[in-house]
Amino acid sequence: MWRPSFLLQLWALSTLWTCMEPTMEPMLLSTTSPGLGSIVRSYSENAHRLYRECGSSVEVLAAAVATLGKEPTEANLTRAREAWVRGRAIYGRTEVFRFYDGPIDNPVDGVETLVNAWPIDESYIDAVPGFPKSGIIHDSVRYPILSEVVLTLANERGGEANVSLGWHAIEFLLWGQDLRTDGPGERPATDFDSSKEASAPRRLEYLKTAVAALRKHLAIVELAWAPGKSNYRREFEADPKLALRRILTGAIILTGFEMAGERLAVAYETRDQEQEHSCFSDTTWLDFQSNQRGVVDILRGTDPESNGVLAYLARTHPEATWDLDRKLGWATEALERIPRPFDQSFLGEDKAPGRVAVAAALSALEAQAEAIAVAGVLLGHRLPMRPGG
C-alpha cells in the first residue's frame, strides 16, 4: 500500500487537524449496545437494501437510454447522464462490501469485473481521435451482434484494460473520451442519431446492452444478500465472528488500499489526469464521498440504535471506539474539502490548495485505516491491508 513520507504525514495531518474541526456529530453510544449477531444482520440488510436500490436506479437509467434512442437530443442525453450519476452514487456506498470474496468479487462467480472494472481502454469500445474505426462498435465483422453474451466474453479479453461492460464502459458511452483538462467528456447527442451518424445504431445497441447487463449483474448480488433464502447471506450470518472479520476487512481495504492508495495517492504522485476513477464524467469526487459514506454506515450504523460495529466495540473498548469514530469524521471532512473536479485538485505546486487538500485526505484515510486495524485487533482479528492479504 502507498505510504506518504513521515514528514508528509506529519505536515498533512497537522494541516488537517489545525484547519478544521469535524462537523459530523459524534456517535452516541447506547447503554444497551446490540450483540454481534444483531450487528451482522444489520450489515446484511444494509447490503441487500443498497444493491436493490442500485438496481432500481439502473432501471431508471435504462428508461432514460431508451428515450435517448427514440429522441437523440442533448436534453435526453443529459437526463441519461444524470441517471448514471444518481445510480453511481448509490453503487459507491456498496464498495465496502468488497475485498473479502463475497458475492460481488468471489473468485469463482463474482461479477465485480463486469460491474466496476477500471481503468478502461476507450478504443476497445469505440472510436477515439486518430482511430475513427476502432473498437467493438465499429467492428461488425468480429462482433456482428452486440448481445450480452458477446460483450461479456469480450470483457477484459486480451488485457485488463479491455473493459467492455460496467459502470465505466457506460460512462464512456454517455460522455465520450475526456479530452479537456478542465471538464468532462463532450460526446454530442448526434452520436446516437442514425440520421446524422452511421455508427449511431450500433452505439445505441451497445449502450442498451451494457445497461441491461449491469442491471442483471447487480440483481445477482442483490439475490445473494436477500433474506430468508439459502444463499450467501445465510452462510454469512451463521458465523458472526467470521462475518465481523469480513466486515472490517471490506472497510479497511476500501479505506487504505483502494481510496488512499489506488485512487488518491497515484493521482497525487503522478499528477496524471488520466488517473481518475470516473474520468469521463468528472464525478470522482462523488465516488470518494459515496465510498466513505459506505464505510461510515457500516461502522457507525444506519439507525439511532447504533447497529454498526462501533456499538459492539464500545461494549469493551470505549476509548478505541471514540478514536475510530473521530477519525471517521476527519476523513469524511477531508474528502469533502477536496476541490472539484478532482482531476484539477492534484495539479500544481505541493503548496497549492488542491494538493494540500488531497494530501490531508490521504493522511486522514491512512489514520482511519489504522484505527480500523486497531479495532480489529481488539475484537480478535488481524486484518489484511490489501486484497488477497
Protein backbone atom coordinates (compact mmCIF):
# COMPACT_ATOMS: atom_id res chain seq x y z
CA MET A 1 0.00 0.00 0.00
CA TRP A 2 1.22 3.52 -0.77
CA ARG A 3 2.67 5.31 2.23
CA PRO A 4 3.42 9.03 2.33
CA SER A 5 6.76 10.05 3.84
CA PHE A 6 6.84 10.59 7.58
CA LEU A 7 7.24 14.36 7.13
CA LEU A 8 4.36 14.48 4.65
CA GLN A 9 2.19 12.59 7.10
CA LEU A 10 3.02 15.00 9.92
CA TRP A 11 2.55 18.05 7.71
CA ALA A 12 -0.73 16.92 6.17
CA LEU A 13 -2.16 15.72 9.48
CA SER A 14 -1.24 18.98 11.21
CA THR A 15 -2.83 20.89 8.33
CA LEU A 16 -5.97 18.79 8.58
CA TRP A 17 -6.30 18.92 12.35
CA THR A 18 -5.46 22.61 12.84
CA CYS A 19 -7.59 23.89 9.95
CA MET A 20 -10.81 22.14 10.77
CA GLU A 21 -12.92 20.59 13.42
CA PRO A 22 -15.17 17.74 12.33
CA THR A 23 -18.75 18.90 11.89
CA MET A 24 -20.11 15.34 11.89
CA GLU A 25 -21.90 14.57 15.11
CA PRO A 26 -20.01 12.00 17.25
CA MET A 27 -21.65 8.65 17.67
CA LEU A 28 -23.92 8.38 20.70
CA LEU A 29 -23.03 5.17 22.49
CA SER A 30 -26.01 3.16 23.63
CA THR A 31 -26.11 1.78 27.14
CA THR A 32 -27.66 -1.37 25.70
CA SER A 33 -25.40 -1.98 22.71
CA PRO A 34 -26.61 -4.74 20.38
CA GLY A 35 -24.84 -8.09 20.23
CA LEU A 36 -22.65 -9.28 17.40
CA GLY A 37 -25.43 -11.26 15.73
CA SER A 38 -27.56 -8.14 15.50
CA ILE A 39 -24.68 -6.15 14.02
CA VAL A 40 -24.10 -8.81 11.37
CA ARG A 41 -27.80 -8.99 10.46
CA SER A 42 -27.97 -5.21 10.14
CA TYR A 43 -24.95 -5.29 7.83
CA SER A 44 -26.63 -7.94 5.65
CA GLU A 45 -29.82 -5.93 5.47
CA ASN A 46 -27.88 -2.81 4.52
CA ALA A 47 -26.11 -4.70 1.72
CA HIS A 48 -29.37 -6.09 0.37
CA ARG A 49 -31.11 -2.71 0.53
CA LEU A 50 -28.31 -0.85 -1.25
CA TYR A 51 -27.95 -3.38 -4.05
CA ARG A 52 -31.73 -3.31 -4.51
CA GLU A 53 -31.73 0.50 -4.66
CA CYS A 54 -28.79 0.46 -7.05
CA GLY A 55 -30.61 -1.97 -9.33
CA SER A 56 -33.68 0.27 -9.33
CA SER A 57 -31.51 3.24 -10.27
CA VAL A 58 -30.17 1.30 -13.26
CA GLU A 59 -33.75 0.64 -14.38
CA VAL A 60 -34.23 4.42 -14.41
CA LEU A 61 -31.03 4.71 -16.45
CA ALA A 62 -32.34 2.10 -18.91
CA ALA A 63 -35.53 4.11 -19.38
CA ALA A 64 -33.51 7.28 -19.98
CA VAL A 65 -31.35 5.49 -22.56
CA ALA A 66 -34.47 4.18 -24.32
CA THR A 67 -35.78 7.75 -24.52
CA LEU A 68 -32.42 8.91 -25.87
CA GLY A 69 -32.68 6.28 -28.59
CA LYS A 70 -36.11 7.49 -29.65
CA GLU A 71 -35.21 11.18 -29.42
CA PRO A 72 -31.42 11.72 -29.53
CA THR A 73 -31.42 15.26 -28.19
CA GLU A 74 -28.94 16.98 -25.88
CA ALA A 75 -31.65 17.22 -23.22
CA ASN A 76 -32.27 13.47 -23.28
CA LEU A 77 -28.54 12.74 -23.23
CA THR A 78 -28.25 14.97 -20.16
CA ARG A 79 -31.07 13.05 -18.45
CA ALA A 80 -29.33 9.76 -19.15
CA ARG A 81 -26.11 11.15 -17.70
CA GLU A 82 -27.94 12.37 -14.60
CA ALA A 83 -29.44 8.91 -14.13
CA TRP A 84 -25.96 7.39 -14.36
CA VAL A 85 -24.65 9.78 -11.70
CA ARG A 86 -27.52 9.00 -9.32
CA GLY A 87 -27.00 5.27 -9.70
CA ARG A 88 -23.25 5.62 -9.35
CA ALA A 89 -23.67 7.46 -6.04
CA ILE A 90 -25.62 4.50 -4.65
CA TYR A 91 -23.16 1.98 -6.01
CA GLY A 92 -20.27 3.81 -4.35
CA ARG A 93 -21.77 3.02 -0.95
CA THR A 94 -21.69 -0.71 -1.79
CA GLU A 95 -17.94 -0.87 -2.39
CA VAL A 96 -17.43 -1.51 1.32
CA PHE A 97 -18.97 -4.95 0.67
CA ARG A 98 -15.96 -5.89 -1.48
CA PHE A 99 -12.49 -7.31 -0.78
CA TYR A 100 -13.37 -10.46 1.19
CA ASP A 101 -14.51 -12.76 -1.63
CA GLY A 102 -18.19 -12.06 -1.06
CA PRO A 103 -20.91 -12.19 -3.73
CA ILE A 104 -19.59 -9.19 -5.65
CA ASP A 105 -15.97 -10.35 -6.01
CA ASN A 106 -15.99 -14.06 -5.34
CA PRO A 107 -13.14 -15.50 -7.47
CA VAL A 108 -15.44 -18.27 -8.77
CA ASP A 109 -18.58 -16.44 -9.81
CA GLY A 110 -18.20 -12.83 -8.65
CA VAL A 111 -19.32 -10.13 -11.09
CA GLU A 112 -17.22 -7.17 -9.93
CA THR A 113 -15.11 -7.08 -13.10
CA LEU A 114 -18.33 -6.93 -15.14
CA VAL A 115 -19.69 -4.11 -12.96
CA ASN A 116 -16.87 -1.81 -11.96
CA ALA A 117 -13.69 -2.64 -13.90
CA TRP A 118 -11.32 0.32 -14.31
CA PRO A 119 -9.31 1.79 -16.00
CA ILE A 120 -10.60 1.15 -19.49
CA ASP A 121 -9.10 1.45 -22.94
CA GLU A 122 -11.68 3.60 -24.72
CA SER A 123 -10.54 2.45 -28.15
CA TYR A 124 -11.55 -1.09 -27.23
CA ILE A 125 -15.19 0.07 -27.27
CA ASP A 126 -15.48 2.96 -29.70
CA ALA A 127 -13.64 5.37 -31.97
CA VAL A 128 -11.18 7.82 -30.46
CA PRO A 129 -9.26 10.70 -32.11
CA GLY A 130 -6.81 9.30 -34.63
CA PHE A 131 -8.61 5.95 -34.79
CA PRO A 132 -12.06 6.63 -36.30
CA LYS A 133 -12.88 2.95 -36.86
CA SER A 134 -11.55 1.47 -33.64
CA GLY A 135 -13.49 -0.51 -31.10
CA ILE A 136 -16.16 -3.17 -30.89
CA ILE A 137 -18.81 -0.75 -32.14
CA HIS A 138 -17.05 -0.35 -35.48
CA ASP A 139 -16.04 -3.99 -35.85
CA SER A 140 -19.19 -5.57 -37.26
CA VAL A 141 -17.17 -8.46 -38.73
CA ARG A 142 -15.95 -9.90 -35.43
CA TYR A 143 -18.91 -8.52 -33.47
CA PRO A 144 -21.94 -8.73 -35.78
CA ILE A 145 -24.28 -8.94 -32.78
CA LEU A 146 -23.79 -6.78 -29.69
CA SER A 147 -25.52 -9.16 -27.30
CA GLU A 148 -24.92 -9.50 -23.58
CA VAL A 149 -23.14 -12.82 -24.11
CA VAL A 150 -20.82 -11.31 -26.71
CA LEU A 151 -19.93 -8.28 -24.60
CA THR A 152 -19.46 -10.44 -21.51
CA LEU A 153 -17.00 -12.68 -23.33
CA ALA A 154 -15.20 -9.59 -24.62
CA ASN A 155 -14.75 -8.11 -21.13
CA GLU A 156 -11.03 -7.95 -20.25
CA ARG A 157 -10.25 -10.27 -23.16
CA GLY A 158 -6.62 -9.74 -24.08
CA GLY A 159 -5.90 -7.37 -21.18
CA GLU A 160 -7.39 -5.85 -18.01
CA ALA A 161 -7.96 -2.51 -19.73
CA ASN A 162 -10.08 -4.16 -22.44
CA VAL A 163 -13.22 -3.44 -20.48
CA SER A 164 -16.47 -3.83 -22.39
CA LEU A 165 -19.09 -3.72 -19.61
CA GLY A 166 -19.86 -1.98 -16.35
CA TRP A 167 -20.31 1.49 -14.95
CA HIS A 168 -17.28 2.98 -16.68
CA ALA A 169 -18.00 1.49 -20.10
CA ILE A 170 -21.45 3.07 -19.87
CA GLU A 171 -19.92 6.30 -18.60
CA PHE A 172 -17.63 6.46 -21.65
CA LEU A 173 -20.54 5.82 -23.99
CA LEU A 174 -22.55 8.65 -22.40
CA TRP A 175 -19.82 11.26 -22.05
CA GLY A 176 -17.17 10.22 -24.56
CA GLN A 177 -13.43 10.44 -24.05
CA ASP A 178 -12.33 13.20 -21.68
CA LEU A 179 -10.05 15.34 -23.84
CA ARG A 180 -10.41 18.52 -21.77
CA THR A 181 -8.10 19.45 -18.92
CA ASP A 182 -10.86 21.31 -17.10
CA GLY A 183 -14.07 19.35 -17.70
CA PRO A 184 -15.74 16.06 -18.61
CA GLY A 185 -16.15 14.39 -21.98
CA GLU A 186 -18.27 16.14 -24.59
CA ARG A 187 -19.92 13.42 -26.64
CA PRO A 188 -22.73 15.02 -28.69
CA ALA A 189 -26.24 13.59 -28.81
CA THR A 190 -25.79 13.20 -32.57
CA ASP A 191 -23.59 10.18 -31.82
CA PHE A 192 -26.88 8.39 -31.12
CA ASP A 193 -28.76 9.86 -34.09
CA SER A 194 -28.89 7.42 -37.02
CA SER A 195 -29.83 10.24 -39.41
CA LYS A 196 -26.53 12.02 -38.70
CA GLU A 197 -24.08 9.31 -37.64
CA ALA A 198 -23.62 5.95 -39.38
CA SER A 199 -22.41 4.21 -36.23
CA ALA A 200 -25.26 5.53 -34.09
CA PRO A 201 -27.47 2.39 -34.24
CA ARG A 202 -24.67 0.10 -33.05
CA ARG A 203 -23.57 2.61 -30.41
CA LEU A 204 -27.10 2.77 -29.06
CA GLU A 205 -27.44 -1.00 -29.19
CA TYR A 206 -24.17 -1.36 -27.28
CA LEU A 207 -25.29 1.17 -24.65
CA LYS A 208 -28.64 -0.56 -24.12
CA THR A 209 -26.95 -3.95 -23.82
CA ALA A 210 -24.39 -2.67 -21.32
CA VAL A 211 -27.09 -1.12 -19.14
CA ALA A 212 -29.17 -4.32 -19.22
CA ALA A 213 -26.09 -6.37 -18.28
CA LEU A 214 -25.32 -4.04 -15.37
CA ARG A 215 -28.87 -4.49 -14.06
CA LYS A 216 -28.58 -8.27 -14.36
CA HIS A 217 -25.25 -8.43 -12.52
CA LEU A 218 -26.47 -6.19 -9.70
CA ALA A 219 -29.54 -8.42 -9.37
CA ILE A 220 -27.26 -11.43 -8.86
CA VAL A 221 -25.55 -9.75 -5.92
CA GLU A 222 -28.85 -8.47 -4.54
CA LEU A 223 -30.21 -12.03 -4.52
CA ALA A 224 -27.11 -13.27 -2.70
CA TRP A 225 -27.94 -10.87 0.16
CA ALA A 226 -31.71 -11.47 0.14
CA PRO A 227 -33.24 -12.61 3.46
CA GLY A 228 -34.84 -15.97 4.04
CA LYS A 229 -33.04 -17.85 1.26
CA SER A 230 -30.34 -20.49 1.01
CA ASN A 231 -27.68 -18.06 -0.17
CA TYR A 232 -24.53 -16.20 0.81
CA ARG A 233 -26.36 -14.16 3.44
CA ARG A 234 -27.43 -17.27 5.33
CA GLU A 235 -23.83 -18.54 5.39
CA PHE A 236 -22.57 -15.08 6.37
CA GLU A 237 -24.92 -14.72 9.33
CA ALA A 238 -24.30 -18.30 10.53
CA ASP A 239 -20.79 -17.40 11.72
CA PRO A 240 -20.92 -13.90 13.27
CA LYS A 241 -17.25 -13.91 14.30
CA LEU A 242 -16.06 -14.66 10.76
CA ALA A 243 -18.62 -12.20 9.43
CA LEU A 244 -17.16 -9.47 11.64
CA ARG A 245 -13.70 -10.10 10.19
CA ARG A 246 -15.15 -9.80 6.68
CA ILE A 247 -16.98 -6.60 7.59
CA LEU A 248 -13.80 -4.99 8.93
CA THR A 249 -11.75 -6.31 6.01
CA GLY A 250 -14.01 -4.58 3.49
CA ALA A 251 -13.80 -1.34 5.44
CA ILE A 252 -10.03 -1.31 5.90
CA ILE A 253 -9.09 -2.30 2.35
CA LEU A 254 -11.52 0.17 0.79
CA THR A 255 -10.12 2.88 3.08
CA GLY A 256 -6.40 2.26 3.00
CA PHE A 257 -5.64 0.34 -0.18
CA GLU A 258 -8.35 1.43 -2.60
CA MET A 259 -9.27 5.01 -1.72
CA ALA A 260 -6.00 6.20 -0.21
CA GLY A 261 -3.69 4.15 -2.41
CA GLU A 262 -5.15 3.36 -5.80
CA ARG A 263 -7.42 6.35 -6.21
CA LEU A 264 -5.78 9.23 -4.32
CA ALA A 265 -2.06 8.51 -3.96
CA VAL A 266 -1.41 7.52 -7.57
CA ALA A 267 -3.10 10.68 -8.85
CA TYR A 268 -1.27 12.80 -6.25
CA GLU A 269 2.16 11.36 -7.07
CA THR A 270 1.84 11.31 -10.88
CA ARG A 271 -0.24 14.47 -11.40
CA ASP A 272 -1.76 12.50 -14.29
CA GLN A 273 -5.36 13.46 -15.03
CA GLU A 274 -5.94 10.01 -16.52
CA GLN A 275 -5.51 8.56 -13.02
CA GLU A 276 -9.08 9.39 -12.10
CA HIS A 277 -11.72 6.81 -11.35
CA SER A 278 -14.77 8.38 -13.04
CA CYS A 279 -12.76 10.39 -15.55
CA PHE A 280 -15.28 10.71 -18.39
CA SER A 281 -17.93 12.38 -16.24
CA ASP A 282 -15.55 14.14 -13.82
CA THR A 283 -17.52 12.78 -10.85
CA THR A 284 -14.66 11.12 -8.97
CA TRP A 285 -15.35 13.43 -6.02
CA LEU A 286 -18.72 11.68 -5.71
CA ASP A 287 -17.02 8.27 -5.72
CA PHE A 288 -14.91 9.29 -2.72
CA GLN A 289 -17.83 10.69 -0.78
CA SER A 290 -20.04 7.68 -1.54
CA ASN A 291 -17.30 5.20 -0.63
CA GLN A 292 -16.68 6.98 2.66
CA ARG A 293 -20.38 7.06 3.45
CA GLY A 294 -20.48 3.30 2.93
CA VAL A 295 -17.65 2.83 5.44
CA VAL A 296 -19.26 5.19 7.94
CA ASP A 297 -22.63 3.46 7.68
CA ILE A 298 -21.31 0.00 8.48
CA LEU A 299 -19.10 1.24 11.32
CA ARG A 300 -21.40 3.82 12.91
CA GLY A 301 -24.64 2.15 11.92
CA THR A 302 -27.59 3.36 9.94
CA ASP A 303 -30.20 3.98 12.64
CA PRO A 304 -30.47 5.77 16.01
CA GLU A 305 -30.00 2.49 17.88
CA SER A 306 -26.43 2.28 16.54
CA ASN A 307 -26.45 -1.03 14.68
CA GLY A 308 -22.88 -0.62 13.45
CA VAL A 309 -19.59 -2.15 14.52
CA LEU A 310 -18.73 0.79 16.79
CA ALA A 311 -21.69 -0.02 19.02
CA TYR A 312 -20.31 -3.52 19.51
CA LEU A 313 -16.74 -2.29 20.04
CA ALA A 314 -17.94 0.24 22.62
CA ARG A 315 -19.05 -2.52 24.97
CA THR A 316 -15.44 -3.38 25.83
CA HIS A 317 -13.23 -0.68 24.30
CA PRO A 318 -14.84 2.77 24.59
CA GLU A 319 -11.58 4.69 24.03
CA ALA A 320 -10.81 2.86 20.78
CA THR A 321 -14.43 3.41 19.76
CA TRP A 322 -14.15 7.14 20.28
CA ASP A 323 -10.83 7.28 18.42
CA LEU A 324 -12.19 5.44 15.38
CA ASP A 325 -15.38 7.50 15.39
CA ARG A 326 -13.37 10.72 15.48
CA LYS A 327 -11.17 9.58 12.57
CA LEU A 328 -14.25 8.68 10.53
CA GLY A 329 -15.31 12.29 10.96
CA TRP A 330 -11.90 13.68 10.00
CA ALA A 331 -11.68 11.56 6.86
CA THR A 332 -15.22 12.47 5.82
CA GLU A 333 -14.46 16.17 6.24
CA ALA A 334 -11.12 15.87 4.42
CA LEU A 335 -12.66 14.15 1.40
CA GLU A 336 -15.39 16.78 1.19
CA ARG A 337 -12.73 19.52 1.17
CA ILE A 338 -11.03 18.24 -1.98
CA PRO A 339 -11.84 20.81 -4.71
CA ARG A 340 -13.94 19.76 -7.71
CA PRO A 341 -13.34 18.48 -10.27
CA PHE A 342 -10.93 16.02 -8.71
CA ASP A 343 -8.60 15.92 -11.73
CA GLN A 344 -7.79 19.61 -11.14
CA SER A 345 -7.16 19.27 -7.42
CA PHE A 346 -3.86 17.39 -7.55
CA LEU A 347 -2.15 19.61 -10.14
CA GLY A 348 0.35 22.39 -9.46
CA GLU A 349 2.79 23.00 -6.62
CA ASP A 350 2.63 20.99 -3.41
CA LYS A 351 1.50 24.14 -1.58
CA ALA A 352 -1.43 24.67 -3.96
CA PRO A 353 -4.77 24.43 -2.11
CA GLY A 354 -5.91 21.40 -4.08
CA ARG A 355 -2.77 19.39 -3.42
CA VAL A 356 -2.85 20.38 0.25
CA ALA A 357 -6.43 19.09 0.43
CA VAL A 358 -5.56 15.82 -1.33
CA ALA A 359 -2.55 15.25 0.96
CA ALA A 360 -4.71 15.90 4.00
CA ALA A 361 -7.33 13.44 2.75
CA LEU A 362 -4.61 10.83 2.16
CA SER A 363 -3.36 11.15 5.71
CA ALA A 364 -6.88 11.16 7.13
CA LEU A 365 -7.72 7.94 5.27
CA GLU A 366 -4.46 6.37 6.47
CA ALA A 367 -5.38 7.31 10.03
CA GLN A 368 -8.87 5.85 9.55
CA ALA A 369 -7.39 2.60 8.22
CA GLU A 370 -5.01 2.36 11.17
CA ALA A 371 -7.87 2.91 13.62
CA ILE A 372 -9.88 0.15 11.91
CA ALA A 373 -6.83 -2.13 12.23
CA VAL A 374 -6.64 -1.39 15.95
CA ALA A 375 -10.35 -2.11 16.35
CA GLY A 376 -9.86 -5.38 14.51
CA VAL A 377 -7.10 -6.50 16.86
CA LEU A 378 -9.16 -5.55 19.91
CA LEU A 379 -12.00 -7.65 18.53
CA GLY A 380 -9.72 -10.60 17.85
CA HIS A 381 -8.81 -10.13 14.18
CA ARG A 382 -5.62 -9.15 12.39
CA LEU A 383 -6.88 -7.57 9.22
CA PRO A 384 -5.29 -7.64 5.76
CA MET A 385 -4.27 -4.29 4.30
CA ARG A 386 -4.65 -5.22 0.64
CA PRO A 387 -6.80 -7.58 -1.46
CA GLY A 388 -5.67 -11.17 -1.04
CA GLY A 389 -3.61 -10.24 2.02
